[in-house]
Structures are given as structure tokens and as C-alpha cells.
Amino acid sequence: MTSKTSETKESQKSSNSQSSSSSQEETTQRQLSVDTKNLTENQFEQWVAITQSNQMQDTHPLRITVSKSDNNLYQAKLDYTATQIDSVNTYKVNSSGELEAIDFEHYPAMKVVSQSFPEIKQNQLTTNQLNMWVVAVQDALFEQKGVKPGIDVVYDLEKAAYGNIANVKVFKIDYTPSANGGADNASKTLINEFRINSDGNLEIKDVNNETGYRIISKVYMDTSMVQ
């Protein structure tokens, strides 16, 4: 009996190990199979978000605005969500399928900053990576109401951790000029809360939902589920 039980446990352990290994291989293969010369808009936005977040020294939330160049290649500009200023950085995909960004030492020249599509683990995102996902979804929510992010409204994010769950709060910012003509006074109003669940899906707090949250995006930087 002991021998058979041991064999069963070893068999289960081997099966679980193979399953885990297979899952990891599938994830890697999915990332490596991305054709960077034929990206979807979502893939391009993912690539920009991961690359930019790896270079950032601060955690100020950034907005990614995607468009296409005259030769039909994706390009993007990045700006802060809490202010109305010039763009922070610019990215584009060149004809060789490489990601380029502004070369600030030789502005306005561009330089290659990434040659391969990154691996994305949605339940292991950094603060900046999570922030960019929340911004993409929050912008889509504003746009559905006819509000233009960065023009009609500016906002900031605040991250907190509840246990192992990353929670992000969105605060609308209202600026009021100070009486002496100095720096603006600002008031913040909480408008939404987001979190990543154990499956790596982005959820939004929903007062009409029994659990308090509902999934609003299942794919990193994707806004197709937003409503």
C-alpha cells in the first residue's frame, strides 16, 4: 500500500510539473510567436507599455495615444494623466519590426529600444505596468461618456495593496488658481477603483455587483470589454 501510494504521489507530482512546464512553454511561445512586422494595435500598445515602464524612475501614470504614420506603421505618444503638458516620449515600429523611441541625446532622432516582443505576466505586473492598463481602461470609460481625457479631465492614480491584491484608485483632479496668482490649488475626487484578480484579469469596483467587483479587461491594455 505504501509503495502504491508513493508511486501515485510521484505520478501526480510529475503530472503537475509537466502541466506547469507546459503552461510556461505556451506562454513563452505565445509571446515569441508575435510577428512584430504585423502587430495589432493592442500588441503595439502592450510593447510600448512594457518598454516604457521598464525605463521609468517614477510611478506617475502615463497615457499612451496610438496612431498610424503615413506609411501605415504604428506610432504612439505618451503623456502624464495628471497634467496638460507636452508628450513625455514617442514610440514607433520601424519597417524591420523593431520598436523605436526618442533618442533624447540626439533629439528628434529615434533609436531602437527593443527588437523582440516582451513576455507579459498579467498577475505579476509592476506598478507602472498596472497603471498604464488602468489608464487605458479609464480613458475608454471617459470617452464613452463624451469626455476627452487630458483635455476635459485630468486624473491621478494611487496604488494600495490589500493582502496579495493590487488595488488602484483613480482620482479626478480639479485645479483652482490661488488668490495670489501662485501655484494652483487642487482637489481630488475618487471616481473609480480597480484591482488585478488571481487570474491576472483587471477588475473594476461595481456597487451593483454582489462581489463588489467585475472584470473589465482580460488582456493587458485591451479595452474591448469596457462599458
C-alpha atoms as a PDB file:
ATOM      1  CA  MET A   1       0.000   0.000   0.000  1.00  0.00           C
ATOM      2  CA  THR A   2       2.769   2.398   0.948  1.00  0.00           C
ATOM      3  CA  SER A   3       4.600   1.692  -2.295  1.00  0.00           C
ATOM      4  CA  LYS A   4       1.487   2.256  -4.408  1.00  0.00           C
ATOM      5  CA  THR A   5       0.625   5.464  -2.526  1.00  0.00           C
ATOM      6  CA  SER A   6       4.153   6.738  -3.073  1.00  0.00           C
ATOM      7  CA  GLU A   7       4.008   5.872  -6.751  1.00  0.00           C
ATOM      8  CA  THR A   8       0.650   7.666  -7.079  1.00  0.00           C
ATOM      9  CA  LYS A   9       2.007  10.805  -5.413  1.00  0.00           C
ATOM     10  CA  GLU A  10       5.099  10.772  -7.604  1.00  0.00           C
ATOM     11  CA  SER A  11       2.897  10.332 -10.680  1.00  0.00           C
ATOM     12  CA  GLN A  12       0.704  13.269  -9.625  1.00  0.00           C
ATOM     13  CA  LYS A  13       3.769  15.397  -8.898  1.00  0.00           C
ATOM     14  CA  SER A  14       5.209  14.559 -12.321  1.00  0.00           C
ATOM     15  CA  SER A  15       1.876  15.343 -13.988  1.00  0.00           C
ATOM     16  CA  ASN A  16       1.593  18.698 -12.185  1.00  0.00           C
ATOM     17  CA  SER A  17       5.186  19.524 -13.058  1.00  0.00           C
ATOM     18  CA  GLN A  18       4.591  18.707 -16.717  1.00  0.00           C
ATOM     19  CA  SER A  19       1.380  20.763 -16.686  1.00  0.00           C
ATOM     20  CA  SER A  20       3.170  23.753 -15.146  1.00  0.00           C
ATOM     21  CA  SER A  21       6.076  23.393 -17.575  1.00  0.00           C
ATOM     22  CA  SER A  22       3.658  23.098 -20.492  1.00  0.00           C
ATOM     23  CA  SER A  23       1.798  26.226 -19.347  1.00  0.00           C
ATOM     24  CA  GLN A  24       5.044  28.189 -19.095  1.00  0.00           C
ATOM     25  CA  GLU A  25       6.129  26.986 -22.525  1.00  0.00           C
ATOM     26  CA  GLU A  26       2.777  28.001 -24.024  1.00  0.00           C
ATOM     27  CA  THR A  27       3.101  31.497 -22.513  1.00  0.00           C
ATOM     28  CA  THR A  28       6.601  31.880 -23.901  1.00  0.00           C
ATOM     29  CA  GLN A  29       5.545  30.550 -27.287  1.00  0.00           C
ATOM     30  CA  ARG A  30       2.607  32.972 -27.440  1.00  0.00           C
ATOM     31  CA  GLN A  31       4.963  35.890 -26.845  1.00  0.00           C
ATOM     32  CA  LEU A  32       7.640  34.622 -29.241  1.00  0.00           C
ATOM     33  CA  SER A  33       5.070  33.932 -31.965  1.00  0.00           C
ATOM     34  CA  VAL A  34       4.103  37.621 -32.209  1.00  0.00           C
ATOM     35  CA  ASP A  35       5.033  38.941 -35.638  1.00  0.00           C
ATOM     36  CA  THR A  36       6.391  42.407 -34.855  1.00  0.00           C
ATOM     37  CA  LYS A  37       6.043  43.408 -38.516  1.00  0.00           C
ATOM     38  CA  ASN A  38       2.302  42.741 -38.360  1.00  0.00           C
ATOM     39  CA  LEU A  39       1.235  43.903 -34.909  1.00  0.00           C
ATOM     40  CA  THR A  40      -2.307  44.556 -33.815  1.00  0.00           C
ATOM     41  CA  GLU A  41      -2.909  47.912 -32.140  1.00  0.00           C
ATOM     42  CA  ASN A  42      -3.245  46.143 -28.791  1.00  0.00           C
ATOM     43  CA  GLN A  43       0.087  44.346 -29.236  1.00  0.00           C
ATOM     44  CA  PHE A  44       1.808  47.594 -30.142  1.00  0.00           C
ATOM     45  CA  GLU A  45       0.353  49.293 -27.060  1.00  0.00           C
ATOM     46  CA  GLN A  46       1.472  46.357 -24.892  1.00  0.00           C
ATOM     47  CA  TRP A  47       5.009  46.582 -26.266  1.00  0.00           C
ATOM     48  CA  VAL A  48       5.171  50.330 -25.640  1.00  0.00           C
ATOM     49  CA  ALA A  49       3.746  49.998 -22.113  1.00  0.00           C
ATOM     50  CA  ILE A  50       6.183  47.278 -21.048  1.00  0.00           C
ATOM     51  CA  THR A  51       9.193  49.010 -22.603  1.00  0.00           C
ATOM     52  CA  GLN A  52       8.394  52.445 -21.164  1.00  0.00           C
ATOM     53  CA  SER A  53       7.593  51.068 -17.694  1.00  0.00           C
ATOM     54  CA  ASN A  54      10.974  49.319 -17.545  1.00  0.00           C
ATOM     55  CA  GLN A  55      12.716  52.662 -18.114  1.00  0.00           C
ATOM     56  CA  MET A  56      10.739  54.771 -15.624  1.00  0.00           C
ATOM     57  CA  GLN A  57      12.182  56.008 -12.342  1.00  0.00           C
ATOM     58  CA  ASP A  58       8.853  57.335 -11.021  1.00  0.00           C
ATOM     59  CA  THR A  59       5.294  55.989 -10.858  1.00  0.00           C
ATOM     60  CA  HIS A  60       3.375  58.939 -12.320  1.00  0.00           C
ATOM     61  CA  PRO A  61       0.645  57.399 -14.535  1.00  0.00           C
ATOM     62  CA  LEU A  62       1.118  57.763 -18.279  1.00  0.00           C
ATOM     63  CA  ARG A  63      -1.366  57.735 -21.152  1.00  0.00           C
ATOM     64  CA  ILE A  64      -0.458  56.026 -24.440  1.00  0.00           C
ATOM     65  CA  THR A  65      -2.083  57.533 -27.534  1.00  0.00           C
ATOM     66  CA  VAL A  66      -1.735  55.337 -30.624  1.00  0.00           C
ATOM     67  CA  SER A  67      -1.978  56.422 -34.257  1.00  0.00           C
ATOM     68  CA  LYS A  68      -0.554  55.381 -37.620  1.00  0.00           C
ATOM     69  CA  SER A  69       2.130  57.105 -39.651  1.00  0.00           C
ATOM     70  CA  ASP A  70       1.881  57.991 -43.337  1.00  0.00           C
ATOM     71  CA  ASN A  71       3.483  54.645 -44.223  1.00  0.00           C
ATOM     72  CA  ASN A  72       0.837  52.806 -42.127  1.00  0.00           C
ATOM     73  CA  LEU A  73       3.144  51.913 -39.224  1.00  0.00           C
ATOM     74  CA  TYR A  74       2.056  52.273 -35.616  1.00  0.00           C
ATOM     75  CA  GLN A  75       3.315  55.198 -33.559  1.00  0.00           C
ATOM     76  CA  ALA A  76       2.468  56.454 -30.077  1.00  0.00           C
ATOM     77  CA  LYS A  77       2.989  59.446 -27.844  1.00  0.00           C
ATOM     78  CA  LEU A  78       2.996  59.286 -24.059  1.00  0.00           C
ATOM     79  CA  ASP A  79       1.873  61.971 -21.634  1.00  0.00           C
ATOM     80  CA  TYR A  80       1.005  62.272 -17.943  1.00  0.00           C
ATOM     81  CA  THR A  81      -2.651  61.870 -16.985  1.00  0.00           C
ATOM     82  CA  ALA A  82      -2.465  64.453 -14.168  1.00  0.00           C
ATOM     83  CA  THR A  83      -1.258  67.414 -16.234  1.00  0.00           C
ATOM     84  CA  GLN A  84      -1.698  69.037 -19.618  1.00  0.00           C
ATOM     85  CA  ILE A  85       1.858  69.174 -20.910  1.00  0.00           C
ATOM     86  CA  ASP A  86       3.881  68.127 -23.932  1.00  0.00           C
ATOM     87  CA  SER A  87       4.421  64.421 -24.506  1.00  0.00           C
ATOM     88  CA  VAL A  88       6.857  62.504 -22.316  1.00  0.00           C
ATOM     89  CA  ASN A  89       8.073  60.157 -25.036  1.00  0.00           C
ATOM     90  CA  THR A  90       7.289  58.945 -28.540  1.00  0.00           C
ATOM     91  CA  TYR A  91       7.489  55.396 -29.929  1.00  0.00           C
ATOM     92  CA  LYS A  92       7.091  53.796 -33.329  1.00  0.00           C
ATOM     93  CA  VAL A  93       7.620  50.473 -35.070  1.00  0.00           C
ATOM     94  CA  ASN A  94      10.057  50.630 -37.954  1.00  0.00           C
ATOM     95  CA  SER A  95       9.818  48.655 -41.196  1.00  0.00           C
ATOM     96  CA  SER A  96      12.041  45.923 -39.709  1.00  0.00           C
ATOM     97  CA  GLY A  97       9.563  45.291 -36.879  1.00  0.00           C
ATOM     98  CA  GLU A  98      11.725  46.935 -34.214  1.00  0.00           C
ATOM     99  CA  LEU A  99      10.456  49.314 -31.537  1.00  0.00           C
ATOM    100  CA  GLU A 100      11.991  52.781 -31.606  1.00  0.00           C
ATOM    101  CA  ALA A 101      11.782  55.649 -29.106  1.00  0.00           C
ATOM    102  CA  ILE A 102      13.080  59.209 -28.984  1.00  0.00           C
ATOM    103  CA  ASP A 103      16.839  59.459 -28.659  1.00  0.00           C
ATOM    104  CA  PHE A 104      16.941  62.385 -26.209  1.00  0.00           C
ATOM    105  CA  GLU A 105      20.685  62.838 -26.699  1.00  0.00           C
ATOM    106  CA  HIS A 106      20.126  63.394 -30.424  1.00  0.00           C
ATOM    107  CA  TYR A 107      16.583  64.791 -30.414  1.00  0.00           C
ATOM    108  CA  PRO A 108      14.421  64.475 -32.508  1.00  0.00           C
ATOM    109  CA  ALA A 109      16.169  61.356 -33.805  1.00  0.00           C
ATOM    110  CA  MET A 110      14.775  57.929 -32.904  1.00  0.00           C
ATOM    111  CA  LYS A 111      16.684  54.854 -31.739  1.00  0.00           C
ATOM    112  CA  VAL A 112      15.853  51.143 -31.478  1.00  0.00           C
ATOM    113  CA  VAL A 113      14.971  50.262 -27.878  1.00  0.00           C
ATOM    114  CA  SER A 114      13.538  46.749 -28.334  1.00  0.00           C
ATOM    115  CA  GLN A 115      13.823  44.109 -31.033  1.00  0.00           C
ATOM    116  CA  SER A 116      11.553  41.407 -29.618  1.00  0.00           C
ATOM    117  CA  PHE A 117       8.064  41.362 -28.161  1.00  0.00           C
ATOM    118  CA  PRO A 118       8.126  41.055 -24.352  1.00  0.00           C
ATOM    119  CA  GLU A 119       6.696  38.291 -22.208  1.00  0.00           C
ATOM    120  CA  ILE A 120       3.686  39.604 -20.264  1.00  0.00           C
ATOM    121  CA  LYS A 121       2.638  38.049 -16.953  1.00  0.00           C
ATOM    122  CA  GLN A 122      -0.586  39.786 -16.014  1.00  0.00           C
ATOM    123  CA  ASN A 123      -0.612  38.628 -12.400  1.00  0.00           C
ATOM    124  CA  GLN A 124       2.970  39.846 -11.873  1.00  0.00           C
ATOM    125  CA  LEU A 125       2.765  43.381 -13.264  1.00  0.00           C
ATOM    126  CA  THR A 126       4.863  46.206 -11.857  1.00  0.00           C
ATOM    127  CA  THR A 127       3.197  49.361 -10.553  1.00  0.00           C
ATOM    128  CA  ASN A 128       3.884  51.247 -13.779  1.00  0.00           C
ATOM    129  CA  GLN A 129       2.661  48.388 -15.962  1.00  0.00           C
ATOM    130  CA  LEU A 130      -0.559  48.141 -13.956  1.00  0.00           C
ATOM    131  CA  ASN A 131      -1.018  51.918 -14.017  1.00  0.00           C
ATOM    132  CA  MET A 132      -0.872  52.019 -17.814  1.00  0.00           C
ATOM    133  CA  TRP A 133      -3.542  49.308 -18.052  1.00  0.00           C
ATOM    134  CA  VAL A 134      -5.801  51.212 -15.646  1.00  0.00           C
ATOM    135  CA  VAL A 135      -5.262  54.441 -17.616  1.00  0.00           C
ATOM    136  CA  ALA A 136      -6.215  52.753 -20.908  1.00  0.00           C
ATOM    137  CA  VAL A 137      -9.456  51.463 -19.378  1.00  0.00           C
ATOM    138  CA  GLN A 138     -10.270  54.680 -17.504  1.00  0.00           C
ATOM    139  CA  ASP A 139      -9.727  56.740 -20.665  1.00  0.00           C
ATOM    140  CA  ALA A 140     -12.142  54.448 -22.529  1.00  0.00           C
ATOM    141  CA  LEU A 141     -14.732  54.939 -19.767  1.00  0.00           C
ATOM    142  CA  PHE A 142     -14.413  58.715 -20.063  1.00  0.00           C
ATOM    143  CA  GLU A 143     -14.635  58.613 -23.846  1.00  0.00           C
ATOM    144  CA  GLN A 144     -17.861  56.588 -23.696  1.00  0.00           C
ATOM    145  CA  LYS A 145     -19.360  59.495 -21.742  1.00  0.00           C
ATOM    146  CA  GLY A 146     -18.155  62.046 -24.303  1.00  0.00           C
ATOM    147  CA  VAL A 147     -15.363  63.284 -22.020  1.00  0.00           C
ATOM    148  CA  LYS A 148     -11.922  63.795 -23.591  1.00  0.00           C
ATOM    149  CA  PRO A 149      -9.114  62.570 -21.285  1.00  0.00           C
ATOM    150  CA  GLY A 150      -6.287  65.079 -20.962  1.00  0.00           C
ATOM    151  CA  ILE A 151      -8.480  67.879 -22.319  1.00  0.00           C
ATOM    152  CA  ASP A 152     -11.784  67.830 -20.450  1.00  0.00           C
ATOM    153  CA  VAL A 153     -10.424  65.964 -17.427  1.00  0.00           C
ATOM    154  CA  VAL A 154      -7.107  65.162 -15.750  1.00  0.00           C
ATOM    155  CA  TYR A 155      -6.614  62.498 -13.103  1.00  0.00           C
ATOM    156  CA  ASP A 156      -4.107  60.688 -10.922  1.00  0.00           C
ATOM    157  CA  LEU A 157      -3.743  57.130  -9.596  1.00  0.00           C
ATOM    158  CA  GLU A 158      -2.975  55.828  -6.147  1.00  0.00           C
ATOM    159  CA  LYS A 159      -1.937  52.236  -5.568  1.00  0.00           C
ATOM    160  CA  ALA A 160      -2.573  50.241  -2.417  1.00  0.00           C
ATOM    161  CA  ALA A 161      -2.181  46.572  -1.581  1.00  0.00           C
ATOM    162  CA  TYR A 162      -4.871  44.583   0.206  1.00  0.00           C
ATOM    163  CA  GLY A 163      -3.266  41.261   1.038  1.00  0.00           C
ATOM    164  CA  ASN A 164      -1.890  39.956  -2.243  1.00  0.00           C
ATOM    165  CA  ILE A 165      -4.271  42.061  -4.355  1.00  0.00           C
ATOM    166  CA  ALA A 166      -3.022  45.189  -6.114  1.00  0.00           C
ATOM    167  CA  ASN A 167      -5.686  47.881  -5.829  1.00  0.00           C
ATOM    168  CA  VAL A 168      -5.578  51.135  -7.801  1.00  0.00           C
ATOM    169  CA  LYS A 169      -7.752  54.177  -7.057  1.00  0.00           C
ATOM    170  CA  VAL A 170      -8.484  56.827  -9.696  1.00  0.00           C
ATOM    171  CA  PHE A 171      -8.823  60.450  -8.536  1.00  0.00           C
ATOM    172  CA  LYS A 172     -10.189  63.222 -10.749  1.00  0.00           C
ATOM    173  CA  ILE A 173      -8.191  66.433 -10.254  1.00  0.00           C
ATOM    174  CA  ASP A 174      -9.770  69.896 -10.228  1.00  0.00           C
ATOM    175  CA  TYR A 175      -7.350  72.814 -10.337  1.00  0.00           C
ATOM    176  CA  THR A 176      -8.302  76.222  -8.929  1.00  0.00           C
ATOM    177  CA  PRO A 177      -5.955  79.212  -9.320  1.00  0.00           C
ATOM    178  CA  SER A 178      -4.739  80.514  -5.958  1.00  0.00           C
ATOM    179  CA  ALA A 179      -5.708  84.057  -4.907  1.00  0.00           C
ATOM    180  CA  ASN A 180      -2.126  85.355  -5.068  1.00  0.00           C
ATOM    181  CA  GLY A 181      -1.619  84.097  -8.584  1.00  0.00           C
ATOM    182  CA  GLY A 182       0.767  81.366  -7.464  1.00  0.00           C
ATOM    183  CA  ALA A 183       0.591  77.639  -7.961  1.00  0.00           C
ATOM    184  CA  ASP A 184      -2.835  76.147  -8.489  1.00  0.00           C
ATOM    185  CA  ASN A 185      -4.739  74.555  -5.628  1.00  0.00           C
ATOM    186  CA  ALA A 186      -6.017  71.096  -6.445  1.00  0.00           C
ATOM    187  CA  SER A 187      -8.841  68.988  -5.087  1.00  0.00           C
ATOM    188  CA  LYS A 188      -9.114  65.258  -5.770  1.00  0.00           C
ATOM    189  CA  THR A 189     -12.301  63.224  -6.100  1.00  0.00           C
ATOM    190  CA  LEU A 190     -12.328  59.418  -6.089  1.00  0.00           C
ATOM    191  CA  ILE A 191     -14.089  58.186  -9.231  1.00  0.00           C
ATOM    192  CA  ASN A 192     -13.099  54.519  -9.658  1.00  0.00           C
ATOM    193  CA  GLU A 193     -11.221  51.617  -8.111  1.00  0.00           C
ATOM    194  CA  PHE A 194      -9.509  48.770  -9.967  1.00  0.00           C
ATOM    195  CA  ARG A 195      -7.692  45.606  -8.987  1.00  0.00           C
ATOM    196  CA  ILE A 196      -5.974  42.579 -10.519  1.00  0.00           C
ATOM    197  CA  ASN A 197      -7.560  39.240  -9.601  1.00  0.00           C
ATOM    198  CA  SER A 198      -5.697  35.953  -9.134  1.00  0.00           C
ATOM    199  CA  ASP A 199      -6.173  35.074 -12.814  1.00  0.00           C
ATOM    200  CA  GLY A 200      -4.492  38.287 -13.941  1.00  0.00           C
ATOM    201  CA  ASN A 201      -7.717  39.966 -15.091  1.00  0.00           C
ATOM    202  CA  LEU A 202      -8.377  43.655 -14.433  1.00  0.00           C
ATOM    203  CA  GLU A 203     -11.494  44.277 -12.330  1.00  0.00           C
ATOM    204  CA  ILE A 204     -13.408  47.469 -11.544  1.00  0.00           C
ATOM    205  CA  LYS A 205     -15.349  48.143  -8.348  1.00  0.00           C
ATOM    206  CA  ASP A 206     -19.051  47.843  -9.094  1.00  0.00           C
ATOM    207  CA  VAL A 207     -21.695  48.746  -6.493  1.00  0.00           C
ATOM    208  CA  ASN A 208     -24.264  46.780  -8.496  1.00  0.00           C
ATOM    209  CA  ASN A 209     -22.222  43.584  -8.342  1.00  0.00           C
ATOM    210  CA  GLU A 210     -22.708  41.155  -5.451  1.00  0.00           C
ATOM    211  CA  THR A 211     -18.979  40.582  -5.098  1.00  0.00           C
ATOM    212  CA  GLY A 212     -18.246  44.295  -5.392  1.00  0.00           C
ATOM    213  CA  TYR A 213     -16.064  43.904  -8.499  1.00  0.00           C
ATOM    214  CA  ARG A 214     -16.498  42.830 -12.109  1.00  0.00           C
ATOM    215  CA  ILE A 215     -13.965  42.004 -14.804  1.00  0.00           C
ATOM    216  CA  ILE A 216     -13.496  44.877 -17.238  1.00  0.00           C
ATOM    217  CA  SER A 217     -10.423  43.676 -19.168  1.00  0.00           C
ATOM    218  CA  LYS A 218      -8.895  40.217 -19.624  1.00  0.00           C
ATOM    219  CA  VAL A 219      -5.996  41.118 -21.920  1.00  0.00           C
ATOM    220  CA  TYR A 220      -3.279  43.575 -20.961  1.00  0.00           C
ATOM    221  CA  MET A 221      -4.047  47.102 -22.309  1.00  0.00           C
ATOM    222  CA  ASP A 222      -7.206  45.879 -24.086  1.00  0.00           C
ATOM    223  CA  THR A 223     -10.372  47.993 -23.742  1.00  0.00           C
ATOM    224  CA  SER A 224     -12.816  45.974 -25.837  1.00  0.00           C
ATOM    225  CA  MET A 225     -14.817  44.908 -22.747  1.00  0.00           C
ATOM    226  CA  VAL A 226     -15.197  48.435 -21.376  1.00  0.00           C
ATOM    227  CA  GLN A 227     -18.788  49.522 -20.805  1.00  0.00           C
END
